[in-house]
C-alpha atoms as a PDB file:
ATOM      1  CA  MET A   1      25.823   8.707 -47.028  1.00  0.00           C
ATOM      2  CA  LEU A   2      23.641   5.166 -46.480  1.00  0.00           C
ATOM      3  CA  ARG A   3      19.241   5.300 -46.412  1.00  0.00           C
ATOM      4  CA  PRO A   4      18.371   2.738 -44.050  1.00  0.00           C
ATOM      5  CA  SER A   5      14.738   2.114 -42.445  1.00  0.00           C
ATOM      6  CA  LEU A   6      14.038   4.039 -39.061  1.00  0.00           C
ATOM      7  CA  ARG A   7      11.910   2.167 -36.744  1.00  0.00           C
ATOM      8  CA  ALA A   8       9.055   3.521 -34.457  1.00  0.00           C
ATOM      9  CA  GLY A   9      10.407   6.157 -32.216  1.00  0.00           C
ATOM     10  CA  GLU A  10      14.156   5.822 -33.122  1.00  0.00           C
ATOM     11  CA  SER A  11      15.997   8.523 -34.515  1.00  0.00           C
ATOM     12  CA  LEU A  12      19.135   8.088 -36.413  1.00  0.00           C
ATOM     13  CA  TYR A  13      22.287   9.196 -37.592  1.00  0.00           C
ATOM     14  CA  VAL A  14      24.469   7.996 -40.581  1.00  0.00           C
ATOM     15  CA  VAL A  15      27.741   9.384 -41.557  1.00  0.00           C
ATOM     16  CA  ALA A  16      31.206   8.571 -42.887  1.00  0.00           C
ATOM     17  CA  ALA A  17      34.393   8.661 -40.708  1.00  0.00           C
ATOM     18  CA  LEU A  18      33.456  12.055 -39.342  1.00  0.00           C
ATOM     19  CA  PRO A  19      35.172  13.152 -36.341  1.00  0.00           C
ATOM     20  CA  GLY A  20      32.777  13.182 -33.251  1.00  0.00           C
ATOM     21  CA  ARG A  21      32.834  16.952 -32.672  1.00  0.00           C
ATOM     22  CA  TRP A  22      31.599  16.998 -36.595  1.00  0.00           C
ATOM     23  CA  LEU A  23      29.280  14.432 -36.051  1.00  0.00           C
ATOM     24  CA  ALA A  24      27.634  16.503 -33.014  1.00  0.00           C
ATOM     25  CA  LEU A  25      27.601  19.757 -35.278  1.00  0.00           C
ATOM     26  CA  TYR A  26      25.630  17.419 -37.932  1.00  0.00           C
ATOM     27  CA  ALA A  27      22.678  15.989 -35.332  1.00  0.00           C
ATOM     28  CA  ARG A  28      22.426  19.717 -34.725  1.00  0.00           C
ATOM     29  CA  LEU A  29      21.854  20.373 -38.263  1.00  0.00           C
ATOM     30  CA  MET A  30      19.329  17.826 -38.317  1.00  0.00           C
ATOM     31  CA  ARG A  31      17.717  19.140 -35.294  1.00  0.00           C
ATOM     32  CA  ASP A  32      17.952  16.467 -33.374  1.00  0.00           C
ATOM     33  CA  PRO A  33      20.073  16.114 -30.290  1.00  0.00           C
ATOM     34  CA  ALA A  34      23.134  13.842 -30.834  1.00  0.00           C
ATOM     35  CA  PRO A  35      25.280  12.106 -27.803  1.00  0.00           C
ATOM     36  CA  PRO A  36      27.844  14.370 -26.649  1.00  0.00           C
ATOM     37  CA  SER A  37      30.674  14.178 -28.628  1.00  0.00           C
ATOM     38  CA  ALA A  38      33.125  13.598 -26.073  1.00  0.00           C
ATOM     39  CA  ALA A  39      31.013  10.185 -25.413  1.00  0.00           C
ATOM     40  CA  ILE A  40      31.741   9.553 -28.855  1.00  0.00           C
ATOM     41  CA  ASP A  41      35.038  10.606 -29.294  1.00  0.00           C
ATOM     42  CA  GLN A  42      35.683   8.160 -25.873  1.00  0.00           C
ATOM     43  CA  ALA A  43      33.638   5.204 -28.055  1.00  0.00           C
ATOM     44  CA  ALA A  44      35.758   5.435 -31.323  1.00  0.00           C
ATOM     45  CA  ALA A  45      39.050   4.998 -29.106  1.00  0.00           C
ATOM     46  CA  LEU A  46      38.003   2.489 -27.195  1.00  0.00           C
ATOM     47  CA  ALA A  47      37.201   0.455 -30.516  1.00  0.00           C
ATOM     48  CA  GLY A  48      40.823   0.966 -31.435  1.00  0.00           C
ATOM     49  CA  PRO A  49      43.392   3.225 -33.221  1.00  0.00           C
ATOM     50  CA  ASP A  50      41.690   2.777 -36.637  1.00  0.00           C
ATOM     51  CA  ALA A  51      37.976   2.483 -35.665  1.00  0.00           C
ATOM     52  CA  THR A  52      35.709   4.937 -37.516  1.00  0.00           C
ATOM     53  CA  VAL A  53      32.015   6.081 -35.954  1.00  0.00           C
ATOM     54  CA  ARG A  54      29.824   4.936 -38.716  1.00  0.00           C
ATOM     55  CA  ARG A  55      25.971   5.190 -37.382  1.00  0.00           C
ATOM     56  CA  MET A  56      24.438   6.525 -34.160  1.00  0.00           C
ATOM     57  CA  ARG A  57      20.554   6.254 -33.037  1.00  0.00           C
ATOM     58  CA  ALA A  58      18.491   7.617 -30.598  1.00  0.00           C
ATOM     59  CA  LEU A  59      16.876   4.359 -28.606  1.00  0.00           C
ATOM     60  CA  ALA A  60      13.117   4.706 -27.946  1.00  0.00           C
ATOM     61  CA  GLY A  61      12.208   4.296 -24.142  1.00  0.00           C
ATOM     62  CA  GLY A  62      12.530   6.245 -21.202  1.00  0.00           C
ATOM     63  CA  THR A  63      11.835   9.582 -19.817  1.00  0.00           C
ATOM     64  CA  HIS A  64      14.616  10.314 -17.357  1.00  0.00           C
ATOM     65  CA  ALA A  65      17.536  10.186 -19.292  1.00  0.00           C
ATOM     66  CA  ARG A  66      18.498   9.714 -23.069  1.00  0.00           C
ATOM     67  CA  THR A  67      20.031   6.742 -24.584  1.00  0.00           C
ATOM     68  CA  TYR A  68      22.196   6.626 -27.725  1.00  0.00           C
ATOM     69  CA  LEU A  69      23.600   3.146 -29.486  1.00  0.00           C
ATOM     70  CA  ILE A  70      27.077   4.204 -31.577  1.00  0.00           C
ATOM     71  CA  GLN A  71      28.035   1.918 -33.723  1.00  0.00           C
ATOM     72  CA  THR A  72      31.483   1.890 -35.228  1.00  0.00           C
ATOM     73  CA  ALA A  73      33.798   0.291 -37.928  1.00  0.00           C
ATOM     74  CA  ASN A  74      36.662  -0.856 -38.231  1.00  0.00           C
ATOM     75  CA  PRO A  75      36.213  -2.643 -35.601  1.00  0.00           C
ATOM     76  CA  GLU A  76      32.279  -3.300 -35.529  1.00  0.00           C
ATOM     77  CA  ARG A  77      31.651  -2.461 -32.392  1.00  0.00           C
ATOM     78  CA  GLU A  78      28.393  -0.970 -30.437  1.00  0.00           C
ATOM     79  CA  PHE A  79      28.506   1.224 -27.372  1.00  0.00           C
ATOM     80  CA  ILE A  80      25.791   2.512 -25.872  1.00  0.00           C
ATOM     81  CA  VAL A  81      25.709   6.299 -24.180  1.00  0.00           C
ATOM     82  CA  ARG A  82      23.281   7.682 -21.422  1.00  0.00           C
ATOM     83  CA  GLN A  83      22.773  11.107 -21.285  1.00  0.00           C
ATOM     84  CA  PHE A  84      21.326  12.664 -18.274  1.00  0.00           C
ATOM     85  CA  ALA A  85      19.811  16.230 -17.449  1.00  0.00           C
ATOM     86  CA  PRO A  86      22.083  19.174 -16.458  1.00  0.00           C
ATOM     87  CA  GLY A  87      22.808  18.859 -12.561  1.00  0.00           C
ATOM     88  CA  ASP A  88      20.967  15.145 -12.730  1.00  0.00           C
ATOM     89  CA  ASP A  89      23.111  12.519  -9.820  1.00  0.00           C
ATOM     90  CA  ALA A  90      21.280   9.239 -11.541  1.00  0.00           C
ATOM     91  CA  ALA A  91      24.715   9.410 -14.167  1.00  0.00           C
ATOM     92  CA  GLY A  92      26.880   9.378 -10.976  1.00  0.00           C
ATOM     93  CA  ARG A  93      24.616   6.990  -9.202  1.00  0.00           C
ATOM     94  CA  GLU A  94      24.263   4.637 -12.246  1.00  0.00           C
ATOM     95  CA  ALA A  95      27.998   4.775 -13.198  1.00  0.00           C
ATOM     96  CA  ARG A  96      28.842   3.994  -9.296  1.00  0.00           C
ATOM     97  CA  VAL A  97      26.148   0.662  -9.114  1.00  0.00           C
ATOM     98  CA  LEU A  98      27.512  -0.587 -12.686  1.00  0.00           C
ATOM     99  CA  ALA A  99      31.027  -0.469 -11.239  1.00  0.00           C
ATOM    100  CA  ALA A 100      30.083  -2.844  -8.536  1.00  0.00           C
ATOM    101  CA  LEU A 101      27.778  -4.952 -10.742  1.00  0.00           C
ATOM    102  CA  ASP A 102      31.136  -5.525 -12.834  1.00  0.00           C
ATOM    103  CA  GLY A 103      28.713  -6.880 -15.759  1.00  0.00           C
ATOM    104  CA  LEU A 104      26.337  -9.319 -12.926  1.00  0.00           C
ATOM    105  CA  ASP A 105      27.114 -12.282 -15.396  1.00  0.00           C
ATOM    106  CA  GLY A 106      25.986 -11.240 -18.634  1.00  0.00           C
ATOM    107  CA  LEU A 107      23.294  -9.431 -16.842  1.00  0.00           C
ATOM    108  CA  ALA A 108      23.898  -5.669 -17.016  1.00  0.00           C
ATOM    109  CA  PRO A 109      25.646  -3.745 -19.352  1.00  0.00           C
ATOM    110  CA  GLN A 110      28.767  -3.176 -18.441  1.00  0.00           C
ATOM    111  CA  LEU A 111      30.805   0.326 -17.180  1.00  0.00           C
ATOM    112  CA  LEU A 112      33.156   1.808 -20.091  1.00  0.00           C
ATOM    113  CA  VAL A 113      33.261   5.894 -19.286  1.00  0.00           C
ATOM    114  CA  ALA A 114      31.851   7.807 -16.862  1.00  0.00           C
ATOM    115  CA  HIS A 115      32.114  11.262 -17.520  1.00  0.00           C
ATOM    116  CA  PRO A 116      33.346  13.263 -14.638  1.00  0.00           C
ATOM    117  CA  TYR A 117      31.083  16.021 -14.207  1.00  0.00           C
ATOM    118  CA  GLY A 118      28.044  13.614 -14.023  1.00  0.00           C
ATOM    119  CA  SER A 119      26.008  14.301 -16.850  1.00  0.00           C
ATOM    120  CA  TRP A 120      26.529  11.203 -18.922  1.00  0.00           C
ATOM    121  CA  ILE A 121      28.259   7.224 -18.926  1.00  0.00           C
ATOM    122  CA  LEU A 122      29.584   5.466 -21.782  1.00  0.00           C
ATOM    123  CA  ILE A 123      28.374   1.539 -21.271  1.00  0.00           C
ATOM    124  CA  SER A 124      28.358  -1.516 -23.178  1.00  0.00           C
ATOM    125  CA  ARG A 125      25.832  -2.598 -25.423  1.00  0.00           C
ATOM    126  CA  LEU A 126      23.691  -6.041 -24.118  1.00  0.00           C
ATOM    127  CA  PRO A 127      22.102  -8.007 -27.121  1.00  0.00           C
ATOM    128  CA  GLY A 128      18.356  -7.411 -28.081  1.00  0.00           C
ATOM    129  CA  ALA A 129      15.988  -4.351 -27.232  1.00  0.00           C
ATOM    130  CA  ALA A 130      13.219  -3.768 -24.876  1.00  0.00           C
ATOM    131  CA  ASN A 131       9.932  -5.454 -25.753  1.00  0.00           C
ATOM    132  CA  ILE A 132       6.925  -4.878 -24.234  1.00  0.00           C
ATOM    133  CA  THR A 133       4.908  -6.219 -26.865  1.00  0.00           C
ATOM    134  CA  PRO A 134       5.563  -9.858 -26.492  1.00  0.00           C
ATOM    135  CA  ARG A 135       3.333 -12.405 -28.816  1.00  0.00           C
ATOM    136  CA  ASP A 136       2.961 -14.745 -25.335  1.00  0.00           C
ATOM    137  CA  PRO A 137       3.346 -12.411 -21.984  1.00  0.00           C
ATOM    138  CA  SER A 138       2.873 -15.248 -20.323  1.00  0.00           C
ATOM    139  CA  ALA A 139       6.187 -17.218 -21.049  1.00  0.00           C
ATOM    140  CA  VAL A 140       8.112 -13.012 -20.836  1.00  0.00           C
ATOM    141  CA  ALA A 141       6.315 -13.377 -16.902  1.00  0.00           C
ATOM    142  CA  ARG A 142       8.529 -16.709 -16.688  1.00  0.00           C
ATOM    143  CA  GLN A 143      11.392 -15.444 -17.437  1.00  0.00           C
ATOM    144  CA  LEU A 144      11.096 -12.133 -15.581  1.00  0.00           C
ATOM    145  CA  GLY A 145      10.472 -14.112 -12.852  1.00  0.00           C
ATOM    146  CA  GLU A 146      13.613 -16.460 -13.249  1.00  0.00           C
ATOM    147  CA  THR A 147      16.010 -13.516 -14.008  1.00  0.00           C
ATOM    148  CA  LEU A 148      14.870 -11.220 -11.044  1.00  0.00           C
ATOM    149  CA  ALA A 149      15.637 -14.223  -8.336  1.00  0.00           C
ATOM    150  CA  ARG A 150      19.011 -14.549 -10.199  1.00  0.00           C
ATOM    151  CA  ILE A 151      19.386 -10.373  -9.123  1.00  0.00           C
ATOM    152  CA  HIS A 152      18.173 -10.754  -5.592  1.00  0.00           C
ATOM    153  CA  ALA A 153      20.638 -14.023  -5.603  1.00  0.00           C
ATOM    154  CA  THR A 154      23.848 -11.697  -6.255  1.00  0.00           C
ATOM    155  CA  VAL A 155      26.670 -12.411  -3.619  1.00  0.00           C
ATOM    156  CA  ARG A 156      26.364  -9.534  -0.643  1.00  0.00           C
ATOM    157  CA  GLN A 157      30.188  -8.358  -1.001  1.00  0.00           C
ATOM    158  CA  ARG A 158      28.872  -6.715  -4.218  1.00  0.00           C
ATOM    159  CA  LEU A 159      26.433  -4.945  -2.341  1.00  0.00           C
ATOM    160  CA  ALA A 160      29.242  -3.499  -0.038  1.00  0.00           C
ATOM    161  CA  GLY A 161      28.944  -0.259  -1.909  1.00  0.00           C
ATOM    162  CA  LEU A 162      25.028   0.293  -2.587  1.00  0.00           C
ATOM    163  CA  PRO A 163      22.848   2.393  -0.879  1.00  0.00           C
ATOM    164  CA  SER A 164      19.805   1.280   0.734  1.00  0.00           C
ATOM    165  CA  VAL A 165      16.889   1.783  -0.823  1.00  0.00           C
ATOM    166  CA  PHE A 166      15.523   3.432   2.361  1.00  0.00           C
ATOM    167  CA  ASP A 167      18.185   5.966   2.193  1.00  0.00           C
ATOM    168  CA  ARG A 168      16.519   7.303  -0.848  1.00  0.00           C
ATOM    169  CA  PRO A 169      13.728  10.545  -0.570  1.00  0.00           C
ATOM    170  CA  GLU A 170      11.274   8.210  -1.327  1.00  0.00           C
ATOM    171  CA  GLY A 171      12.305   5.423   0.777  1.00  0.00           C
ATOM    172  CA  SER A 172       9.997   6.566   4.030  1.00  0.00           C
ATOM    173  CA  PRO A 173       6.787   5.822   5.241  1.00  0.00           C
ATOM    174  CA  ALA A 174       6.134   9.461   5.025  1.00  0.00           C
ATOM    175  CA  GLU A 175       6.360   9.588   1.021  1.00  0.00           C
ATOM    176  CA  LEU A 176       3.845   6.657   0.985  1.00  0.00           C
ATOM    177  CA  SER A 177       0.592   7.886  -0.719  1.00  0.00           C
ATOM    178  CA  GLY A 178      -3.298   6.670  -2.239  1.00  0.00           C
ATOM    179  CA  PRO A 179      -5.698   4.608  -0.533  1.00  0.00           C
ATOM    180  CA  ALA A 180      -2.633   1.407   0.461  1.00  0.00           C
ATOM    181  CA  ALA A 181      -0.559   3.993   1.759  1.00  0.00           C
ATOM    182  CA  SER A 182      -1.576   3.446   5.721  1.00  0.00           C
ATOM    183  CA  ILE A 183      -1.646   0.188   5.671  1.00  0.00           C
ATOM    184  CA  VAL A 184       1.914  -0.182   4.293  1.00  0.00           C
ATOM    185  CA  ALA A 185       3.165   2.186   6.611  1.00  0.00           C
ATOM    186  CA  ALA A 186       1.422  -0.021   9.830  1.00  0.00           C
ATOM    187  CA  ARG A 187       3.724  -2.835   8.641  1.00  0.00           C
ATOM    188  CA  TRP A 188       6.486  -0.558   7.524  1.00  0.00           C
ATOM    189  CA  GLU A 189       8.660  -2.915   9.836  1.00  0.00           C
ATOM    190  CA  THR A 190       8.189  -5.819   8.091  1.00  0.00           C
ATOM    191  CA  LEU A 191       9.913  -4.266   4.859  1.00  0.00           C
ATOM    192  CA  ALA A 192      12.780  -2.410   6.776  1.00  0.00           C
ATOM    193  CA  SER A 193      13.557  -5.481   8.608  1.00  0.00           C
ATOM    194  CA  ALA A 194      13.614  -8.152   5.518  1.00  0.00           C
ATOM    195  CA  GLN A 195      16.377  -9.881   4.133  1.00  0.00           C
ATOM    196  CA  THR A 196      18.566  -7.368   1.760  1.00  0.00           C
ATOM    197  CA  VAL A 197      19.517  -8.259  -1.442  1.00  0.00           C
ATOM    198  CA  LEU A 198      20.522  -6.226  -4.607  1.00  0.00           C
ATOM    199  CA  THR A 199      17.547  -4.412  -5.464  1.00  0.00           C
ATOM    200  CA  HIS A 200      17.082  -3.251  -9.378  1.00  0.00           C
ATOM    201  CA  TYR A 201      14.448  -0.516  -7.714  1.00  0.00           C
ATOM    202  CA  ASP A 202      12.449  -0.420 -11.399  1.00  0.00           C
ATOM    203  CA  PHE A 203      12.308  -3.461 -12.110  1.00  0.00           C
ATOM    204  CA  TRP A 204       9.691  -3.368 -15.026  1.00  0.00           C
ATOM    205  CA  LEU A 205       9.514  -5.253 -18.629  1.00  0.00           C
ATOM    206  CA  GLY A 206      10.781  -1.644 -20.390  1.00  0.00           C
ATOM    207  CA  ASN A 207      13.919  -2.116 -18.550  1.00  0.00           C
ATOM    208  CA  THR A 208      15.207  -5.086 -20.013  1.00  0.00           C
ATOM    209  CA  VAL A 209      16.141  -6.411 -23.431  1.00  0.00           C
ATOM    210  CA  TRP A 210      15.253  -9.383 -25.485  1.00  0.00           C
ATOM    211  CA  GLN A 211      16.449 -11.233 -28.480  1.00  0.00           C
ATOM    212  CA  ASP A 212      14.573 -14.150 -29.985  1.00  0.00           C
ATOM    213  CA  GLY A 213      12.294 -14.488 -27.448  1.00  0.00           C
ATOM    214  CA  THR A 214      15.011 -14.622 -24.555  1.00  0.00           C
ATOM    215  CA  LEU A 215      15.907 -12.261 -22.016  1.00  0.00           C
ATOM    216  CA  THR A 216      19.400 -11.149 -22.419  1.00  0.00           C
ATOM    217  CA  GLY A 217      19.870  -8.610 -19.901  1.00  0.00           C
ATOM    218  CA  VAL A 218      18.101  -5.539 -17.719  1.00  0.00           C
ATOM    219  CA  VAL A 219      19.364  -1.897 -18.192  1.00  0.00           C
ATOM    220  CA  ASP A 220      18.784   1.426 -16.569  1.00  0.00           C
ATOM    221  CA  TRP A 221      20.159   0.831 -13.047  1.00  0.00           C
ATOM    222  CA  THR A 222      19.922   4.313 -11.553  1.00  0.00           C
ATOM    223  CA  GLY A 223      18.627   3.308  -8.704  1.00  0.00           C
ATOM    224  CA  GLY A 224      20.161  -0.009  -7.879  1.00  0.00           C
ATOM    225  CA  ALA A 225      20.327  -0.510  -4.257  1.00  0.00           C
ATOM    226  CA  ARG A 226      20.456  -2.593  -1.094  1.00  0.00           C
ATOM    227  CA  GLY A 227      16.765  -3.712   0.014  1.00  0.00           C
ATOM    228  CA  PRO A 228      13.965  -5.828   0.552  1.00  0.00           C
ATOM    229  CA  ARG A 229      12.882  -8.346  -2.499  1.00  0.00           C
ATOM    230  CA  ALA A 230       9.404  -7.077  -1.786  1.00  0.00           C
ATOM    231  CA  CYS A 231      10.569  -3.961  -3.863  1.00  0.00           C
ATOM    232  CA  ASP A 232      11.342  -5.192  -7.312  1.00  0.00           C
ATOM    233  CA  LEU A 233       8.976  -8.483  -6.584  1.00  0.00           C
ATOM    234  CA  GLY A 234       5.310  -5.659  -5.749  1.00  0.00           C
ATOM    235  CA  TRP A 235       7.214  -3.711  -8.744  1.00  0.00           C
ATOM    236  CA  CYS A 236       6.974  -5.667 -11.457  1.00  0.00           C
ATOM    237  CA  ARG A 237       4.024  -7.603 -10.220  1.00  0.00           C
ATOM    238  CA  LEU A 238       2.140  -3.443 -10.822  1.00  0.00           C
ATOM    239  CA  ASP A 239       3.481  -3.195 -13.992  1.00  0.00           C
ATOM    240  CA  LEU A 240       2.882  -6.154 -15.430  1.00  0.00           C
ATOM    241  CA  TYR A 241      -1.188  -5.809 -14.078  1.00  0.00           C
ATOM    242  CA  LEU A 242      -1.274  -2.761 -16.065  1.00  0.00           C
ATOM    243  CA  LEU A 243       0.493  -4.061 -19.405  1.00  0.00           C
ATOM    244  CA  TYR A 244      -1.782  -7.429 -19.329  1.00  0.00           C
ATOM    245  CA  GLY A 245      -3.634  -8.039 -16.611  1.00  0.00           C
ATOM    246  CA  GLU A 246      -4.065 -10.452 -12.783  1.00  0.00           C
ATOM    247  CA  SER A 247      -3.121 -13.316 -14.368  1.00  0.00           C
ATOM    248  CA  ILE A 248       0.366 -12.698 -16.183  1.00  0.00           C
ATOM    249  CA  ALA A 249       1.595 -10.665 -12.656  1.00  0.00           C
ATOM    250  CA  ASP A 250       0.692 -14.490 -10.990  1.00  0.00           C
ATOM    251  CA  ALA A 251       2.904 -16.059 -13.729  1.00  0.00           C
ATOM    252  CA  PHE A 252       5.728 -14.113 -12.605  1.00  0.00           C
ATOM    253  CA  LEU A 253       5.715 -14.568  -9.279  1.00  0.00           C
ATOM    254  CA  ARG A 254       4.997 -18.501  -9.617  1.00  0.00           C
ATOM    255  CA  SER A 255       8.296 -18.472 -11.450  1.00  0.00           C
ATOM    256  CA  TYR A 256      10.373 -16.091  -9.310  1.00  0.00           C
ATOM    257  CA  GLN A 257       9.378 -18.263  -6.638  1.00  0.00           C
ATOM    258  CA  ALA A 258      10.363 -21.417  -8.428  1.00  0.00           C
ATOM    259  CA  VAL A 259      13.561 -20.909  -8.585  1.00  0.00           C
ATOM    260  CA  SER A 260      14.660 -18.323  -5.706  1.00  0.00           C
ATOM    261  CA  ARG A 261      15.946 -20.061  -2.839  1.00  0.00           C
ATOM    262  CA  SER A 262      14.899 -18.036  -0.255  1.00  0.00           C
ATOM    263  CA  ALA A 263      11.226 -17.501   1.148  1.00  0.00           C
ATOM    264  CA  SER A 264       9.431 -15.040  -0.885  1.00  0.00           C
ATOM    265  CA  PRO A 265       8.080 -12.020   0.924  1.00  0.00           C
ATOM    266  CA  ASP A 266       4.254 -11.350   1.845  1.00  0.00           C
ATOM    267  CA  SER A 267       3.077 -10.605  -1.933  1.00  0.00           C
ATOM    268  CA  LEU A 268       0.213  -8.588  -0.830  1.00  0.00           C
ATOM    269  CA  LEU A 269       2.530  -6.432   1.204  1.00  0.00           C
ATOM    270  CA  CYS A 270       4.659  -5.905  -2.082  1.00  0.00           C
ATOM    271  CA  ASP A 271       2.173  -5.474  -3.668  1.00  0.00           C
ATOM    272  CA  LEU A 272       0.545  -2.635  -1.518  1.00  0.00           C
ATOM    273  CA  TRP A 273       3.631  -1.254  -1.072  1.00  0.00           C
ATOM    274  CA  ALA A 274       4.011  -0.757  -4.782  1.00  0.00           C
ATOM    275  CA  ALA A 275       0.410   0.801  -5.336  1.00  0.00           C
ATOM    276  CA  ALA A 276       1.162   3.249  -2.400  1.00  0.00           C
ATOM    277  CA  ARG A 277       4.443   4.101  -4.190  1.00  0.00           C
ATOM    278  CA  SER A 278       3.170   4.838  -7.603  1.00  0.00           C
ATOM    279  CA  HIS A 279       0.103   6.742  -6.360  1.00  0.00           C
ATOM    280  CA  GLN A 280       0.828  10.264  -7.536  1.00  0.00           C
ATOM    281  CA  ILE A 281       2.903   8.945 -10.703  1.00  0.00           C
ATOM    282  CA  VAL A 282       1.076   6.401 -12.546  1.00  0.00           C
ATOM    283  CA  GLU A 283      -0.018   9.035 -15.245  1.00  0.00           C
ATOM    284  CA  SER A 284       3.775  10.093 -15.671  1.00  0.00           C
ATOM    285  CA  TRP A 285       4.589   6.578 -17.230  1.00  0.00           C
ATOM    286  CA  VAL A 286       2.615   7.495 -20.250  1.00  0.00           C
ATOM    287  CA  PRO A 287       5.759   8.201 -22.154  1.00  0.00           C
ATOM    288  CA  ASN A 288       7.513   5.028 -21.473  1.00  0.00           C
ATOM    289  CA  TYR A 289       5.199   2.958 -22.466  1.00  0.00           C
ATOM    290  CA  ARG A 290       4.124   5.106 -25.700  1.00  0.00           C
ATOM    291  CA  ASP A 291       7.711   5.124 -27.142  1.00  0.00           C
ATOM    292  CA  LEU A 292       7.693   0.957 -27.177  1.00  0.00           C
ATOM    293  CA  GLY A 293       4.342   0.052 -28.576  1.00  0.00           C
ATOM    294  CA  ARG A 294       1.021   0.596 -25.944  1.00  0.00           C
ATOM    295  CA  ALA A 295      -0.303   3.815 -26.885  1.00  0.00           C
ATOM    296  CA  ASP A 296      -3.448   2.220 -25.537  1.00  0.00           C
ATOM    297  CA  LEU A 297      -1.930   3.060 -22.102  1.00  0.00           C
ATOM    298  CA  THR A 298      -3.330   6.552 -21.601  1.00  0.00           C
ATOM    299  CA  ALA A 299      -3.088   8.330 -18.409  1.00  0.00           C
ATOM    300  CA  ARG A 300      -6.694   7.597 -18.196  1.00  0.00           C
ATOM    301  CA  VAL A 301      -6.039   4.016 -18.591  1.00  0.00           C
ATOM    302  CA  LEU A 302      -3.218   4.255 -16.215  1.00  0.00           C
ATOM    303  CA  ARG A 303      -5.546   5.437 -13.394  1.00  0.00           C
ATOM    304  CA  LYS A 304      -8.200   3.348 -13.848  1.00  0.00           C
ATOM    305  CA  ARG A 305      -6.289   0.480 -14.100  1.00  0.00           C
ATOM    306  CA  HIS A 306      -3.919   1.584 -10.940  1.00  0.00           C
ATOM    307  CA  THR A 307      -7.505   2.421  -9.130  1.00  0.00           C
ATOM    308  CA  THR A 308      -8.993  -1.232  -9.771  1.00  0.00           C
ATOM    309  CA  TRP A 309      -5.337  -2.689  -8.904  1.00  0.00           C
ATOM    310  CA  THR A 310      -5.493  -0.618  -5.869  1.00  0.00           C
ATOM    311  CA  ARG A 311      -8.831  -1.585  -4.175  1.00  0.00           C
ATOM    312  CA  HIS A 312      -8.440  -5.085  -5.178  1.00  0.00           C
ATOM    313  CA  LEU A 313      -5.255  -5.218  -2.671  1.00  0.00           C
ATOM    314  CA  ILE A 314      -6.750  -3.099   0.300  1.00  0.00           C
ATOM    315  CA  GLU A 315     -10.215  -5.887  -0.406  1.00  0.00           C
ATOM    316  CA  ARG A 316      -7.593  -8.954  -0.212  1.00  0.00           C
ATOM    317  CA  SER A 317      -6.208  -7.363   2.926  1.00  0.00           C
ATOM    318  CA  THR A 318      -9.176  -7.283   4.675  1.00  0.00           C
ATOM    319  CA  THR A 319      -9.520 -11.412   4.808  1.00  0.00           C
ATOM    320  CA  THR A 320      -6.239 -11.750   4.837  1.00  0.00           C
ATOM    321  CA  ALA A 321      -3.258 -11.337   7.091  1.00  0.00           C
ATOM    322  CA  ILE A 322       0.067  -9.729   5.706  1.00  0.00           C
END
């Protein structure tokens, strides 16, 4: 048995050529949850008839699903398992979105296997890892803007089977909350009638992967849908503001606008929508930030920054037509 070092936030299983059911048992004995044994077996089968599972580890980040890396030997392959709570339809939703995207020209994982009862999916691994503590946030913001412009430029044929963001339970003005809610509700028709593009719906830095300073892909497509550009633009700007401040959020927007072939929506309305969507839930993001290295973003800090951002936006709305 190997004794590799662990990175913060990871759990590790290293065994030699054991069947999936024994790997799962081993993990339970180690008092740490493991990927479903059926998913482990599927990964080994996809790798090849002589493949053995040599290593598994739970990946940090995310509260909606448990995410695991499975590595095989003979041949060397890597797979990702995303496991959801029983009864959660997110696995089925993500499977449908990934099937429609078909890798999105390398930006999204490939769907490999979907559990028939919808509790987990097996997908390809994109190179790299999440990184919300970069040395140069401005460079990160620029790449985020360029990548989101690519996503929004996805051909419409790929969107045919996707739901609309306005069909989601939270895709209604009635679900808005906080001081910005009334302003957004008054402009709801502007959002609802905007050009439809592929939206990620949860496009933030923690849902991207990086390798050697380069953004290599976008993960967690459970909310992928048809919707207005404003959905992703305001959401990512909010996250960047919480992480680094307004100047980095602005750098992201400038990058997006420079690459996008279509006119960008009103950025103030984008931001107000994101503020009203997140007003009641921003404290729940603490584990996402903490597990990826930003333990300083406590519930109190997030609420304070969210409040400051919202007030700033509302003040701007009194002097700027939206």
